[in-house]
Amino acid sequence: MGDKLPVGGEMRYVVAMLFAIAVAALAMLFVSGPIASWTVAKFAFDNPDQVGDMHTGVFMAVNFLMLVAGWLIGWALGGTLVKDGDGA
């Protein structure tokens, strides 16, 4: 098994996961709901089910985007834990 991570490389993954969870949780509580409500308010619907479907879809999409953003932030910050810049 010659595919060893550089010193500190394991922690980079942990930091990325923790940031992803934290950013997604904060977005779920404070960002996704208002964005979903604002988006739904911009459209006219024929059926109340369409309102719920769009609200849910936008809510989930924003949560996913924030999860990815949190991962990228954590990955970048976790890179400072890797010695000699060999973490990529």
PDB file of N, CA and C in Angstrom:
ATOM      1  N   MET A   1       0.829  -1.183   0.000  1.00  0.00           N
ATOM      2  CA  MET A   1       0.000   0.000   0.000  1.00  0.00           C
ATOM      3  C   MET A   1       0.872   1.243   0.000  1.00  0.00           C
ATOM      4  N   GLY A   2       1.310   1.651  -1.143  1.00  0.00           N
ATOM      5  CA  GLY A   2       2.168   2.811  -1.254  1.00  0.00           C
ATOM      6  C   GLY A   2       1.404   4.118  -1.365  1.00  0.00           C
ATOM      7  N   ASP A   3       0.086   4.088  -1.212  1.00  0.00           N
ATOM      8  CA  ASP A   3      -0.733   5.288  -1.356  1.00  0.00           C
ATOM      9  C   ASP A   3      -0.978   5.952  -0.010  1.00  0.00           C
ATOM     10  N   LYS A   4       0.076   6.197   0.729  1.00  0.00           N
ATOM     11  CA  LYS A   4      -0.071   6.832   2.039  1.00  0.00           C
ATOM     12  C   LYS A   4      -0.296   8.322   1.864  1.00  0.00           C
ATOM     13  N   LEU A   5      -1.148   8.857   2.717  1.00  0.00           N
ATOM     14  CA  LEU A   5      -1.374  10.290   2.713  1.00  0.00           C
ATOM     15  C   LEU A   5      -0.183  10.991   3.349  1.00  0.00           C
ATOM     16  N   PRO A   6       0.096  12.235   2.941  1.00  0.00           N
ATOM     17  CA  PRO A   6       1.176  12.972   3.579  1.00  0.00           C
ATOM     18  C   PRO A   6       0.831  13.248   5.044  1.00  0.00           C
ATOM     19  N   VAL A   7       1.824  13.647   5.796  1.00  0.00           N
ATOM     20  CA  VAL A   7       1.615  13.926   7.215  1.00  0.00           C
ATOM     21  C   VAL A   7       0.548  15.010   7.363  1.00  0.00           C
ATOM     22  N   GLY A   8      -0.488  14.718   8.108  1.00  0.00           N
ATOM     23  CA  GLY A   8      -1.591  15.652   8.287  1.00  0.00           C
ATOM     24  C   GLY A   8      -2.680  15.504   7.248  1.00  0.00           C
ATOM     25  N   GLY A   9      -2.494  14.676   6.244  1.00  0.00           N
ATOM     26  CA  GLY A   9      -3.480  14.532   5.180  1.00  0.00           C
ATOM     27  C   GLY A   9      -4.794  13.947   5.649  1.00  0.00           C
ATOM     28  N   GLU A  10      -4.734  13.078   6.668  1.00  0.00           N
ATOM     29  CA  GLU A  10      -5.964  12.497   7.195  1.00  0.00           C
ATOM     30  C   GLU A  10      -6.833  13.570   7.844  1.00  0.00           C
ATOM     31  N   MET A  11      -6.198  14.491   8.536  1.00  0.00           N
ATOM     32  CA  MET A  11      -6.945  15.551   9.214  1.00  0.00           C
ATOM     33  C   MET A  11      -7.615  16.491   8.225  1.00  0.00           C
ATOM     34  N   ARG A  12      -7.067  16.584   7.031  1.00  0.00           N
ATOM     35  CA  ARG A  12      -7.667  17.454   6.028  1.00  0.00           C
ATOM     36  C   ARG A  12      -9.079  16.987   5.700  1.00  0.00           C
ATOM     37  N   TYR A  13      -9.263  15.683   5.612  1.00  0.00           N
ATOM     38  CA  TYR A  13     -10.590  15.133   5.350  1.00  0.00           C
ATOM     39  C   TYR A  13     -11.534  15.387   6.517  1.00  0.00           C
ATOM     40  N   VAL A  14     -11.028  15.237   7.727  1.00  0.00           N
ATOM     41  CA  VAL A  14     -11.855  15.460   8.914  1.00  0.00           C
ATOM     42  C   VAL A  14     -12.299  16.920   8.985  1.00  0.00           C
ATOM     43  N   VAL A  15     -11.368  17.833   8.756  1.00  0.00           N
ATOM     44  CA  VAL A  15     -11.696  19.257   8.783  1.00  0.00           C
ATOM     45  C   VAL A  15     -12.722  19.579   7.701  1.00  0.00           C
ATOM     46  N   ALA A  16     -12.551  19.022   6.515  1.00  0.00           N
ATOM     47  CA  ALA A  16     -13.499  19.268   5.424  1.00  0.00           C
ATOM     48  C   ALA A  16     -14.889  18.758   5.788  1.00  0.00           C
ATOM     49  N   MET A  17     -14.969  17.574   6.387  1.00  0.00           N
ATOM     50  CA  MET A  17     -16.274  17.030   6.779  1.00  0.00           C
ATOM     51  C   MET A  17     -16.928  17.872   7.868  1.00  0.00           C
ATOM     52  N   LEU A  18     -16.144  18.302   8.843  1.00  0.00           N
ATOM     53  CA  LEU A  18     -16.708  19.114   9.922  1.00  0.00           C
ATOM     54  C   LEU A  18     -17.220  20.454   9.401  1.00  0.00           C
ATOM     55  N   PHE A  19     -16.464  21.088   8.523  1.00  0.00           N
ATOM     56  CA  PHE A  19     -16.921  22.347   7.942  1.00  0.00           C
ATOM     57  C   PHE A  19     -18.164  22.131   7.081  1.00  0.00           C
ATOM     58  N   ALA A  20     -18.204  21.043   6.326  1.00  0.00           N
ATOM     59  CA  ALA A  20     -19.373  20.761   5.494  1.00  0.00           C
ATOM     60  C   ALA A  20     -20.616  20.605   6.354  1.00  0.00           C
ATOM     61  N   ILE A  21     -20.508  19.866   7.437  1.00  0.00           N
ATOM     62  CA  ILE A  21     -21.652  19.663   8.329  1.00  0.00           C
ATOM     63  C   ILE A  21     -22.073  20.978   8.975  1.00  0.00           C
ATOM     64  N   ALA A  22     -21.105  21.746   9.458  1.00  0.00           N
ATOM     65  CA  ALA A  22     -21.425  22.997  10.143  1.00  0.00           C
ATOM     66  C   ALA A  22     -22.073  24.013   9.206  1.00  0.00           C
ATOM     67  N   VAL A  23     -21.514  24.181   8.016  1.00  0.00           N
ATOM     68  CA  VAL A  23     -22.066  25.154   7.068  1.00  0.00           C
ATOM     69  C   VAL A  23     -23.445  24.709   6.592  1.00  0.00           C
ATOM     70  N   ALA A  24     -23.625  23.420   6.329  1.00  0.00           N
ATOM     71  CA  ALA A  24     -24.935  22.926   5.903  1.00  0.00           C
ATOM     72  C   ALA A  24     -25.973  23.105   7.006  1.00  0.00           C
ATOM     73  N   ALA A  25     -25.592  22.863   8.252  1.00  0.00           N
ATOM     74  CA  ALA A  25     -26.532  23.033   9.363  1.00  0.00           C
ATOM     75  C   ALA A  25     -26.927  24.499   9.525  1.00  0.00           C
ATOM     76  N   LEU A  26     -25.959  25.396   9.453  1.00  0.00           N
ATOM     77  CA  LEU A  26     -26.269  26.821   9.561  1.00  0.00           C
ATOM     78  C   LEU A  26     -27.135  27.295   8.397  1.00  0.00           C
ATOM     79  N   ALA A  27     -26.841  26.811   7.202  1.00  0.00           N
ATOM     80  CA  ALA A  27     -27.646  27.180   6.037  1.00  0.00           C
ATOM     81  C   ALA A  27     -29.070  26.658   6.181  1.00  0.00           C
ATOM     82  N   MET A  28     -29.205  25.437   6.680  1.00  0.00           N
ATOM     83  CA  MET A  28     -30.533  24.854   6.852  1.00  0.00           C
ATOM     84  C   MET A  28     -31.362  25.682   7.834  1.00  0.00           C
ATOM     85  N   LEU A  29     -30.731  26.187   8.874  1.00  0.00           N
ATOM     86  CA  LEU A  29     -31.455  26.940   9.891  1.00  0.00           C
ATOM     87  C   LEU A  29     -31.742  28.382   9.493  1.00  0.00           C
ATOM     88  N   PHE A  30     -30.811  29.028   8.793  1.00  0.00           N
ATOM     89  CA  PHE A  30     -30.922  30.466   8.587  1.00  0.00           C
ATOM     90  C   PHE A  30     -31.021  30.932   7.138  1.00  0.00           C
ATOM     91  N   VAL A  31     -30.636  30.125   6.169  1.00  0.00           N
ATOM     92  CA  VAL A  31     -30.535  30.607   4.791  1.00  0.00           C
ATOM     93  C   VAL A  31     -31.543  29.939   3.861  1.00  0.00           C
ATOM     94  N   SER A  32     -31.640  28.629   3.909  1.00  0.00           N
ATOM     95  CA  SER A  32     -32.426  27.883   2.927  1.00  0.00           C
ATOM     96  C   SER A  32     -33.910  28.226   2.962  1.00  0.00           C
ATOM     97  N   GLY A  33     -34.474  28.347   4.147  1.00  0.00           N
ATOM     98  CA  GLY A  33     -35.900  28.664   4.269  1.00  0.00           C
ATOM     99  C   GLY A  33     -36.267  29.995   3.635  1.00  0.00           C
ATOM    100  N   PRO A  34     -35.575  31.085   4.006  1.00  0.00           N
ATOM    101  CA  PRO A  34     -35.892  32.367   3.380  1.00  0.00           C
ATOM    102  C   PRO A  34     -35.672  32.388   1.865  1.00  0.00           C
ATOM    103  N   ILE A  35     -34.620  31.729   1.392  1.00  0.00           N
ATOM    104  CA  ILE A  35     -34.385  31.695  -0.059  1.00  0.00           C
ATOM    105  C   ILE A  35     -35.491  30.915  -0.755  1.00  0.00           C
ATOM    106  N   ALA A  36     -35.896  29.781  -0.173  1.00  0.00           N
ATOM    107  CA  ALA A  36     -36.970  28.988  -0.770  1.00  0.00           C
ATOM    108  C   ALA A  36     -38.279  29.769  -0.775  1.00  0.00           C
ATOM    109  N   SER A  37     -38.593  30.443   0.312  1.00  0.00           N
ATOM    110  CA  SER A  37     -39.832  31.231   0.376  1.00  0.00           C
ATOM    111  C   SER A  37     -39.800  32.386  -0.616  1.00  0.00           C
ATOM    112  N   TRP A  38     -38.661  33.050  -0.737  1.00  0.00           N
ATOM    113  CA  TRP A  38     -38.530  34.155  -1.676  1.00  0.00           C
ATOM    114  C   TRP A  38     -38.700  33.662  -3.112  1.00  0.00           C
ATOM    115  N   THR A  39     -38.099  32.513  -3.421  1.00  0.00           N
ATOM    116  CA  THR A  39     -38.193  31.957  -4.770  1.00  0.00           C
ATOM    117  C   THR A  39     -39.630  31.584  -5.107  1.00  0.00           C
ATOM    118  N   VAL A  40     -40.316  30.947  -4.177  1.00  0.00           N
ATOM    119  CA  VAL A  40     -41.705  30.532  -4.411  1.00  0.00           C
ATOM    120  C   VAL A  40     -42.601  31.759  -4.595  1.00  0.00           C
ATOM    121  N   ALA A  41     -42.316  32.840  -3.877  1.00  0.00           N
ATOM    122  CA  ALA A  41     -43.131  34.049  -3.979  1.00  0.00           C
ATOM    123  C   ALA A  41     -43.009  34.711  -5.348  1.00  0.00           C
ATOM    124  N   LYS A  42     -41.965  34.403  -6.099  1.00  0.00           N
ATOM    125  CA  LYS A  42     -41.749  35.015  -7.411  1.00  0.00           C
ATOM    126  C   LYS A  42     -42.551  34.348  -8.526  1.00  0.00           C
ATOM    127  N   PHE A  43     -43.187  33.215  -8.242  1.00  0.00           N
ATOM    128  CA  PHE A  43     -43.904  32.465  -9.267  1.00  0.00           C
ATOM    129  C   PHE A  43     -45.388  32.384  -8.939  1.00  0.00           C
ATOM    130  N   ALA A  44     -46.190  32.143  -9.980  1.00  0.00           N
ATOM    131  CA  ALA A  44     -47.623  31.881  -9.813  1.00  0.00           C
ATOM    132  C   ALA A  44     -47.854  30.391 -10.049  1.00  0.00           C
ATOM    133  N   PHE A  45     -48.665  29.780  -9.199  1.00  0.00           N
ATOM    134  CA  PHE A  45     -48.893  28.341  -9.270  1.00  0.00           C
ATOM    135  C   PHE A  45     -50.375  28.050  -9.425  1.00  0.00           C
ATOM    136  N   ASP A  46     -50.677  26.916 -10.068  1.00  0.00           N
ATOM    137  CA  ASP A  46     -52.057  26.476 -10.243  1.00  0.00           C
ATOM    138  C   ASP A  46     -52.496  25.543  -9.127  1.00  0.00           C
ATOM    139  N   ASN A  47     -51.545  24.949  -8.457  1.00  0.00           N
ATOM    140  CA  ASN A  47     -51.841  23.888  -7.508  1.00  0.00           C
ATOM    141  C   ASN A  47     -50.978  24.092  -6.259  1.00  0.00           C
ATOM    142  N   PRO A  48     -51.561  23.938  -5.075  1.00  0.00           N
ATOM    143  CA  PRO A  48     -50.760  24.079  -3.856  1.00  0.00           C
ATOM    144  C   PRO A  48     -49.621  23.058  -3.759  1.00  0.00           C
ATOM    145  N   ASP A  49     -49.796  21.913  -4.403  1.00  0.00           N
ATOM    146  CA  ASP A  49     -48.726  20.919  -4.392  1.00  0.00           C
ATOM    147  C   ASP A  49     -47.487  21.430  -5.126  1.00  0.00           C
ATOM    148  N   GLN A  50     -47.694  22.226  -6.158  1.00  0.00           N
ATOM    149  CA  GLN A  50     -46.566  22.800  -6.884  1.00  0.00           C
ATOM    150  C   GLN A  50     -45.762  23.742  -5.988  1.00  0.00           C
ATOM    151  N   VAL A  51     -46.470  24.473  -5.144  1.00  0.00           N
ATOM    152  CA  VAL A  51     -45.798  25.376  -4.207  1.00  0.00           C
ATOM    153  C   VAL A  51     -44.906  24.578  -3.265  1.00  0.00           C
ATOM    154  N   GLY A  52     -45.461  23.528  -2.694  1.00  0.00           N
ATOM    155  CA  GLY A  52     -44.694  22.693  -1.773  1.00  0.00           C
ATOM    156  C   GLY A  52     -43.520  22.017  -2.445  1.00  0.00           C
ATOM    157  N   ASP A  53     -43.748  21.530  -3.668  1.00  0.00           N
ATOM    158  CA  ASP A  53     -42.667  20.860  -4.395  1.00  0.00           C
ATOM    159  C   ASP A  53     -41.518  21.818  -4.694  1.00  0.00           C
ATOM    160  N   MET A  54     -41.862  23.030  -5.150  1.00  0.00           N
ATOM    161  CA  MET A  54     -40.805  23.986  -5.477  1.00  0.00           C
ATOM    162  C   MET A  54     -40.085  24.440  -4.207  1.00  0.00           C
ATOM    163  N   HIS A  55     -40.840  24.691  -3.156  1.00  0.00           N
ATOM    164  CA  HIS A  55     -40.223  25.117  -1.898  1.00  0.00           C
ATOM    165  C   HIS A  55     -39.247  24.052  -1.399  1.00  0.00           C
ATOM    166  N   THR A  56     -39.666  22.802  -1.442  1.00  0.00           N
ATOM    167  CA  THR A  56     -38.806  21.706  -1.003  1.00  0.00           C
ATOM    168  C   THR A  56     -37.581  21.568  -1.896  1.00  0.00           C
ATOM    169  N   GLY A  57     -37.779  21.676  -3.198  1.00  0.00           N
ATOM    170  CA  GLY A  57     -36.663  21.549  -4.135  1.00  0.00           C
ATOM    171  C   GLY A  57     -35.618  22.635  -3.947  1.00  0.00           C
ATOM    172  N   VAL A  58     -36.073  23.871  -3.811  1.00  0.00           N
ATOM    173  CA  VAL A  58     -35.133  24.981  -3.610  1.00  0.00           C
ATOM    174  C   VAL A  58     -34.432  24.838  -2.261  1.00  0.00           C
ATOM    175  N   PHE A  59     -35.184  24.457  -1.240  1.00  0.00           N
ATOM    176  CA  PHE A  59     -34.605  24.259   0.091  1.00  0.00           C
ATOM    177  C   PHE A  59     -33.490  23.221   0.047  1.00  0.00           C
ATOM    178  N   MET A  60     -33.752  22.103  -0.609  1.00  0.00           N
ATOM    179  CA  MET A  60     -32.756  21.032  -0.697  1.00  0.00           C
ATOM    180  C   MET A  60     -31.568  21.438  -1.565  1.00  0.00           C
ATOM    181  N   ALA A  61     -31.823  22.163  -2.650  1.00  0.00           N
ATOM    182  CA  ALA A  61     -30.737  22.599  -3.530  1.00  0.00           C
ATOM    183  C   ALA A  61     -29.793  23.559  -2.804  1.00  0.00           C
ATOM    184  N   VAL A  62     -30.353  24.497  -2.054  1.00  0.00           N
ATOM    185  CA  VAL A  62     -29.515  25.435  -1.300  1.00  0.00           C
ATOM    186  C   VAL A  62     -28.715  24.689  -0.238  1.00  0.00           C
ATOM    187  N   ASN A  63     -29.351  23.733   0.439  1.00  0.00           N
ATOM    188  CA  ASN A  63     -28.625  22.941   1.437  1.00  0.00           C
ATOM    189  C   ASN A  63     -27.469  22.183   0.802  1.00  0.00           C
ATOM    190  N   PHE A  64     -27.696  21.595  -0.359  1.00  0.00           N
ATOM    191  CA  PHE A  64     -26.629  20.855  -1.040  1.00  0.00           C
ATOM    192  C   PHE A  64     -25.489  21.783  -1.448  1.00  0.00           C
ATOM    193  N   LEU A  65     -25.823  22.940  -2.001  1.00  0.00           N
ATOM    194  CA  LEU A  65     -24.783  23.890  -2.405  1.00  0.00           C
ATOM    195  C   LEU A  65     -23.964  24.367  -1.206  1.00  0.00           C
ATOM    196  N   MET A  66     -24.624  24.583  -0.087  1.00  0.00           N
ATOM    197  CA  MET A  66     -23.908  25.001   1.114  1.00  0.00           C
ATOM    198  C   MET A  66     -23.062  23.863   1.688  1.00  0.00           C
ATOM    199  N   LEU A  67     -23.517  22.624   1.527  1.00  0.00           N
ATOM    200  CA  LEU A  67     -22.716  21.476   1.941  1.00  0.00           C
ATOM    201  C   LEU A  67     -21.421  21.424   1.135  1.00  0.00           C
ATOM    202  N   VAL A  68     -21.536  21.612  -0.172  1.00  0.00           N
ATOM    203  CA  VAL A  68     -20.351  21.616  -1.039  1.00  0.00           C
ATOM    204  C   VAL A  68     -19.446  22.803  -0.703  1.00  0.00           C
ATOM    205  N   ALA A  69     -20.042  23.969  -0.475  1.00  0.00           N
ATOM    206  CA  ALA A  69     -19.236  25.143  -0.119  1.00  0.00           C
ATOM    207  C   ALA A  69     -18.496  24.915   1.195  1.00  0.00           C
ATOM    208  N   GLY A  70     -19.170  24.327   2.168  1.00  0.00           N
ATOM    209  CA  GLY A  70     -18.525  24.029   3.443  1.00  0.00           C
ATOM    210  C   GLY A  70     -17.390  23.042   3.284  1.00  0.00           C
ATOM    211  N   TRP A  71     -17.602  22.046   2.424  1.00  0.00           N
ATOM    212  CA  TRP A  71     -16.537  21.066   2.169  1.00  0.00           C
ATOM    213  C   TRP A  71     -15.315  21.763   1.559  1.00  0.00           C
ATOM    214  N   LEU A  72     -15.547  22.622   0.583  1.00  0.00           N
ATOM    215  CA  LEU A  72     -14.433  23.312  -0.077  1.00  0.00           C
ATOM    216  C   LEU A  72     -13.691  24.235   0.886  1.00  0.00           C
ATOM    217  N   ILE A  73     -14.431  24.931   1.730  1.00  0.00           N
ATOM    218  CA  ILE A  73     -13.790  25.795   2.728  1.00  0.00           C
ATOM    219  C   ILE A  73     -12.960  24.950   3.689  1.00  0.00           C
ATOM    220  N   GLY A  74     -13.545  23.857   4.167  1.00  0.00           N
ATOM    221  CA  GLY A  74     -12.823  22.970   5.076  1.00  0.00           C
ATOM    222  C   GLY A  74     -11.615  22.332   4.424  1.00  0.00           C
ATOM    223  N   TRP A  75     -11.742  21.980   3.156  1.00  0.00           N
ATOM    224  CA  TRP A  75     -10.616  21.379   2.428  1.00  0.00           C
ATOM    225  C   TRP A  75      -9.472  22.384   2.300  1.00  0.00           C
ATOM    226  N   ALA A  76      -9.830  23.625   1.995  1.00  0.00           N
ATOM    227  CA  ALA A  76      -8.800  24.657   1.864  1.00  0.00           C
ATOM    228  C   ALA A  76      -8.132  24.935   3.210  1.00  0.00           C
ATOM    229  N   LEU A  77      -8.922  25.060   4.260  1.00  0.00           N
ATOM    230  CA  LEU A  77      -8.342  25.312   5.578  1.00  0.00           C
ATOM    231  C   LEU A  77      -7.599  24.092   6.104  1.00  0.00           C
ATOM    232  N   GLY A  78      -8.092  22.904   5.795  1.00  0.00           N
ATOM    233  CA  GLY A  78      -7.414  21.683   6.211  1.00  0.00           C
ATOM    234  C   GLY A  78      -6.085  21.499   5.512  1.00  0.00           C
ATOM    235  N   GLY A  79      -5.923  22.129   4.376  1.00  0.00           N
ATOM    236  CA  GLY A  79      -4.657  22.054   3.657  1.00  0.00           C
ATOM    237  C   GLY A  79      -3.513  22.684   4.425  1.00  0.00           C
ATOM    238  N   THR A  80      -3.841  23.564   5.363  1.00  0.00           N
ATOM    239  CA  THR A  80      -2.788  24.171   6.176  1.00  0.00           C
ATOM    240  C   THR A  80      -2.204  23.169   7.166  1.00  0.00           C
ATOM    241  N   LEU A  81      -2.902  22.052   7.390  1.00  0.00           N
ATOM    242  CA  LEU A  81      -2.405  21.018   8.302  1.00  0.00           C
ATOM    243  C   LEU A  81      -1.425  20.069   7.634  1.00  0.00           C
ATOM    244  N   VAL A  82      -1.387  20.096   6.303  1.00  0.00           N
ATOM    245  CA  VAL A  82      -0.538  19.167   5.562  1.00  0.00           C
ATOM    246  C   VAL A  82       0.859  19.757   5.438  1.00  0.00           C
ATOM    247  N   LYS A  83       1.849  18.968   5.798  1.00  0.00           N
ATOM    248  CA  LYS A  83       3.234  19.450   5.738  1.00  0.00           C
ATOM    249  C   LYS A  83       3.778  19.371   4.313  1.00  0.00           C
ATOM    250  N   ASP A  84       4.643  20.287   3.979  1.00  0.00           N
ATOM    251  CA  ASP A  84       5.360  20.340   2.699  1.00  0.00           C
ATOM    252  C   ASP A  84       4.448  20.545   1.503  1.00  0.00           C
ATOM    253  N   GLY A  85       3.203  20.938   1.705  1.00  0.00           N
ATOM    254  CA  GLY A  85       2.299  21.199   0.589  1.00  0.00           C
ATOM    255  C   GLY A  85       1.988  19.994  -0.252  1.00  0.00           C
ATOM    256  N   ASP A  86       2.063  18.794   0.302  1.00  0.00           N
ATOM    257  CA  ASP A  86       1.815  17.573  -0.463  1.00  0.00           C
ATOM    258  C   ASP A  86       0.386  17.074  -0.316  1.00  0.00           C
ATOM    259  N   GLY A  87      -0.546  17.923   0.057  1.00  0.00           N
ATOM    260  CA  GLY A  87      -1.896  17.454   0.353  1.00  0.00           C
ATOM    261  C   GLY A  87      -2.820  17.360  -0.832  1.00  0.00           C
ATOM    262  N   ALA A  88      -2.449  17.858  -1.977  1.00  0.00           N
ATOM    263  CA  ALA A  88      -3.342  17.831  -3.126  1.00  0.00           C
ATOM    264  C   ALA A  88      -3.293  16.512  -3.759  1.00  0.00           C
TER     265      ALA A  88
END
